[in-house]
N, C-alpha and C. Protein backbone atom coordinates (compact mmCIF):
# COMPACT_ATOMS: atom_id res chain seq x y z
N MET A 1 0.83 -1.50 -0.05
CA MET A 1 -0.14 0.19 0.30
C MET A 1 1.07 1.30 -0.16
N LEU A 2 1.99 1.22 0.72
CA LEU A 2 2.92 2.23 0.90
C LEU A 2 3.51 2.23 -0.44
N GLY A 3 3.88 1.88 -1.44
CA GLY A 3 4.38 1.94 -2.76
C GLY A 3 3.49 2.53 -3.58
N PHE A 4 1.98 2.18 -3.45
CA PHE A 4 0.99 2.48 -4.21
C PHE A 4 0.91 4.15 -3.94
N CYS A 5 0.74 4.29 -2.65
CA CYS A 5 0.38 5.68 -1.93
C CYS A 5 1.87 7.03 -2.90
N ALA A 6 2.86 6.25 -2.55
CA ALA A 6 4.31 7.10 -2.51
C ALA A 6 4.06 6.97 -4.37
N GLN A 7 3.93 6.27 -5.28
CA GLN A 7 3.78 6.30 -6.62
C GLN A 7 2.78 7.29 -6.94
N ALA A 8 1.69 7.30 -6.56
CA ALA A 8 0.47 8.28 -6.60
C ALA A 8 1.01 9.54 -6.31
N MET A 9 1.36 9.79 -5.13
CA MET A 9 2.19 11.11 -4.81
C MET A 9 3.09 11.88 -5.89
N PHE A 10 4.03 10.98 -6.32
CA PHE A 10 5.05 11.05 -7.19
C PHE A 10 4.83 11.25 -8.44
N ALA A 11 3.80 10.78 -8.88
CA ALA A 11 3.10 11.12 -10.49
C ALA A 11 2.50 12.07 -10.25
N ALA A 12 1.83 12.61 -9.21
CA ALA A 12 0.64 13.50 -8.93
C ALA A 12 1.64 14.90 -9.58
N ARG A 13 2.83 14.90 -9.13
CA ARG A 13 3.40 16.07 -9.66
C ARG A 13 3.40 16.45 -11.25
N PHE A 14 3.05 15.85 -11.91
CA PHE A 14 3.25 15.77 -13.15
C PHE A 14 1.91 16.39 -14.11
N TRP A 15 0.92 16.15 -13.35
CA TRP A 15 -0.64 16.78 -13.27
C TRP A 15 -0.50 18.34 -12.98
N VAL A 16 0.34 18.58 -11.85
CA VAL A 16 0.17 19.93 -11.06
C VAL A 16 1.05 20.67 -12.06
N GLN A 17 1.94 20.15 -12.65
CA GLN A 17 3.04 21.11 -13.87
C GLN A 17 2.01 21.36 -15.06
N TRP A 18 1.77 20.32 -15.52
CA TRP A 18 0.75 20.27 -16.64
C TRP A 18 -0.38 21.36 -16.48
N ILE A 19 -0.82 21.16 -15.22
CA ILE A 19 -2.28 21.89 -15.19
C ILE A 19 -1.70 23.37 -15.02
N ALA A 20 -0.80 23.74 -14.61
CA ALA A 20 -0.16 25.04 -14.06
C ALA A 20 0.41 25.55 -15.20
N SER A 21 1.06 24.92 -16.00
CA SER A 21 1.16 25.21 -17.75
C SER A 21 0.14 25.89 -18.44
N GLU A 22 -0.51 24.96 -18.18
CA GLU A 22 -1.81 25.18 -19.36
C GLU A 22 -2.39 26.38 -18.86
N LYS A 23 -2.72 26.65 -17.41
CA LYS A 23 -3.29 27.85 -17.10
C LYS A 23 -2.38 29.05 -17.56
N ALA A 24 -0.87 29.16 -17.45
CA ALA A 24 -0.07 30.17 -17.73
C ALA A 24 0.02 30.21 -19.20
N GLY A 25 -0.08 29.03 -20.12
CA GLY A 25 0.17 29.13 -21.36
C GLY A 25 1.47 29.01 -21.70
N LYS A 26 2.67 28.55 -20.76
CA LYS A 26 3.59 28.27 -21.30
C LYS A 26 4.55 27.34 -20.06
N SER A 27 5.48 26.90 -20.29
CA SER A 27 6.04 25.71 -19.69
C SER A 27 6.66 26.22 -18.15
N ILE A 28 6.02 26.01 -16.99
CA ILE A 28 6.70 26.43 -15.54
C ILE A 28 6.34 25.34 -14.75
N VAL A 29 7.02 25.51 -13.82
CA VAL A 29 7.24 24.57 -12.54
C VAL A 29 6.87 25.22 -11.16
N PRO A 30 5.66 24.50 -11.01
CA PRO A 30 5.36 25.36 -9.23
C PRO A 30 6.03 24.91 -8.26
N MET A 31 6.29 25.36 -7.39
CA MET A 31 6.56 24.99 -5.88
C MET A 31 5.82 23.44 -5.68
N LEU A 32 4.68 23.31 -5.78
CA LEU A 32 4.26 22.22 -5.43
C LEU A 32 4.56 21.09 -6.28
N PHE A 33 5.15 21.14 -7.51
CA PHE A 33 5.76 20.19 -8.17
C PHE A 33 7.20 19.66 -7.35
N TRP A 34 7.92 20.44 -6.79
CA TRP A 34 8.96 20.15 -6.01
C TRP A 34 8.55 19.45 -4.71
N TYR A 35 7.79 20.04 -4.16
CA TYR A 35 7.57 19.61 -2.44
C TYR A 35 7.08 18.07 -2.82
N LEU A 36 6.25 17.71 -3.95
CA LEU A 36 5.41 16.54 -4.00
C LEU A 36 6.54 15.41 -4.71
N SER A 37 7.59 16.09 -5.54
CA SER A 37 8.89 15.24 -5.76
C SER A 37 9.55 14.78 -4.85
N ILE A 38 9.58 15.35 -3.76
CA ILE A 38 10.63 15.40 -2.44
C ILE A 38 9.83 14.32 -1.59
N PHE A 39 8.37 14.56 -1.27
CA PHE A 39 7.82 13.68 -0.15
C PHE A 39 7.41 12.50 -1.18
N GLY A 40 7.19 12.40 -2.51
CA GLY A 40 7.03 11.30 -3.23
C GLY A 40 8.10 10.28 -3.22
N SER A 41 9.53 10.89 -3.39
CA SER A 41 10.85 10.24 -3.32
C SER A 41 11.07 9.77 -1.74
N LEU A 42 10.66 10.78 -0.71
CA LEU A 42 10.68 9.65 0.35
C LEU A 42 10.15 8.56 0.68
N LEU A 43 8.87 8.75 0.61
CA LEU A 43 7.89 7.58 0.47
C LEU A 43 8.57 6.56 -0.26
N LEU A 44 8.92 6.65 -1.65
CA LEU A 44 9.52 5.63 -2.48
C LEU A 44 10.65 5.24 -1.85
N LEU A 45 11.27 5.88 -1.40
CA LEU A 45 12.98 5.64 -0.77
C LEU A 45 12.58 4.47 0.19
N VAL A 46 11.66 4.74 1.33
CA VAL A 46 11.17 4.21 2.60
C VAL A 46 10.67 2.71 2.03
N TYR A 47 9.95 2.75 0.94
CA TYR A 47 9.40 1.50 0.06
C TYR A 47 10.77 0.30 -0.09
N SER A 48 11.55 1.30 -1.08
CA SER A 48 12.64 0.67 -1.93
C SER A 48 13.63 -0.05 -0.64
N ILE A 49 13.68 0.58 0.65
CA ILE A 49 14.45 0.19 1.43
C ILE A 49 13.86 -0.94 1.91
N TYR A 50 12.51 -1.20 2.07
CA TYR A 50 11.81 -2.16 2.74
C TYR A 50 11.96 -3.38 1.78
N ARG A 51 11.71 -3.10 0.40
CA ARG A 51 12.06 -3.92 -0.70
C ARG A 51 13.50 -4.54 -0.71
N LYS A 52 14.41 -3.97 -0.18
CA LYS A 52 15.88 -4.17 -0.27
C LYS A 52 16.14 -4.16 -1.82
N ASP A 53 16.05 -2.92 -2.49
CA ASP A 53 16.38 -2.88 -4.13
C ASP A 53 16.88 -1.89 -4.16
N PRO A 54 18.62 -2.23 -4.22
CA PRO A 54 19.64 -1.14 -4.40
C PRO A 54 19.74 -0.13 -5.40
N VAL A 55 19.15 -0.52 -6.55
CA VAL A 55 19.01 0.24 -7.65
C VAL A 55 18.14 1.48 -7.30
N PHE A 56 16.88 1.03 -6.88
CA PHE A 56 15.51 1.74 -6.72
C PHE A 56 15.98 2.82 -5.25
N ILE A 57 16.80 2.37 -4.53
CA ILE A 57 17.18 3.22 -3.27
C ILE A 57 18.10 4.35 -3.88
N LEU A 58 18.81 3.64 -4.79
CA LEU A 58 19.93 5.13 -5.28
C LEU A 58 19.40 5.90 -6.05
N GLY A 59 18.38 5.63 -6.82
CA GLY A 59 17.36 6.44 -7.48
C GLY A 59 16.41 7.27 -6.98
N GLN A 60 16.12 7.02 -5.77
CA GLN A 60 15.15 7.91 -4.86
C GLN A 60 16.28 8.74 -4.01
N ALA A 61 17.10 8.09 -3.84
CA ALA A 61 18.08 8.86 -2.80
C ALA A 61 18.83 10.20 -3.63
N THR A 62 18.88 9.77 -4.72
CA THR A 62 19.60 10.75 -5.55
C THR A 62 18.68 12.08 -6.21
N GLY A 63 17.44 11.42 -6.31
CA GLY A 63 16.30 12.56 -6.81
C GLY A 63 15.93 13.46 -5.63
N ILE A 64 16.16 12.71 -4.37
CA ILE A 64 15.78 13.75 -3.20
C ILE A 64 16.67 14.94 -3.01
N PHE A 65 17.93 14.60 -3.69
CA PHE A 65 18.95 15.95 -3.62
C PHE A 65 18.70 16.47 -4.39
N ILE A 66 18.55 16.34 -5.59
CA ILE A 66 18.26 17.13 -6.47
C ILE A 66 16.91 18.12 -6.19
N TYR A 67 15.89 17.60 -6.05
CA TYR A 67 14.55 18.21 -5.79
C TYR A 67 14.93 19.11 -4.78
N THR A 68 15.60 18.90 -3.54
CA THR A 68 15.88 19.63 -2.71
C THR A 68 16.71 20.91 -2.61
N ARG A 69 17.88 20.79 -3.85
CA ARG A 69 18.75 21.73 -4.03
C ARG A 69 17.80 22.53 -5.09
N ASN A 70 17.04 22.10 -5.85
CA ASN A 70 16.11 23.23 -6.70
C ASN A 70 15.46 23.89 -5.89
N LEU A 71 14.70 23.30 -4.56
CA LEU A 71 13.85 24.36 -3.49
C LEU A 71 14.72 25.41 -3.10
N TYR A 72 16.29 25.03 -2.77
CA TYR A 72 16.90 25.79 -2.18
C TYR A 72 17.34 26.84 -3.32
N LEU A 73 17.51 26.74 -4.53
CA LEU A 73 18.08 27.28 -5.43
C LEU A 73 16.94 28.81 -5.81
N ILE A 74 15.87 28.12 -5.79
CA ILE A 74 14.57 28.95 -5.87
C ILE A 74 14.28 29.92 -4.74
N LYS A 75 14.62 29.24 -3.52
CA LYS A 75 14.53 30.35 -2.40
C LYS A 75 15.66 31.41 -2.51
N ARG A 76 16.72 31.07 -2.95
CA ARG A 76 17.99 31.82 -3.00
C ARG A 76 17.83 33.01 -3.90
N GLU A 77 17.19 32.66 -5.09
CA GLU A 77 16.73 33.86 -6.22
C GLU A 77 15.45 34.53 -5.64
N LYS A 78 14.84 34.09 -5.01
CA LYS A 78 13.52 35.08 -4.31
C LYS A 78 14.14 35.56 -3.42
N GLU A 79 15.31 35.29 -2.41
CA GLU A 79 15.57 36.57 -1.18
C GLU A 79 16.45 37.31 -2.07
N ALA A 80 17.05 37.02 -3.24
CA ALA A 80 18.11 38.07 -4.10
C ALA A 80 17.23 38.97 -4.84
N MET A 81 15.95 38.85 -5.14
CA MET A 81 15.19 39.80 -5.64
C MET A 81 14.54 40.54 -4.61
N VAL A 82 14.22 39.98 -3.33
CA VAL A 82 13.80 40.90 -2.37
C VAL A 82 15.03 41.97 -1.95
N ASP A 83 16.37 41.35 -1.63
CA ASP A 83 17.18 42.39 -1.52
C ASP A 83 17.93 43.12 -2.59
N GLY A 84 17.33 42.73 -3.67
CA GLY A 84 17.95 43.38 -4.88
C GLY A 84 17.97 44.70 -5.36
C-alpha cells in the first residue's frame, strides 16, 4: 500500500505541472511540483529500502538531493530579488 501511495504522490507532480503550465500558457514548474517530488521520493525511498532494492534506493536518494537543491536555488533567487 505504501508503494502505491508513494507512486501516486510522485506521479501527481506531473499533473500539477501540466495544469499550471496550461493555465499560464507556457511551461512552468510550480513549487508544489518540487514538494510532491520530495515527499513522493521519500516515501518511495522508504518502500525501496523495505524491498531491499539497491537500484531503486540509489535512484530515489539521488532524486531527493536534486529536488531539495532546486527548492534551495528557488528560495535563494527569491531572496536575492527582495534584497536586490
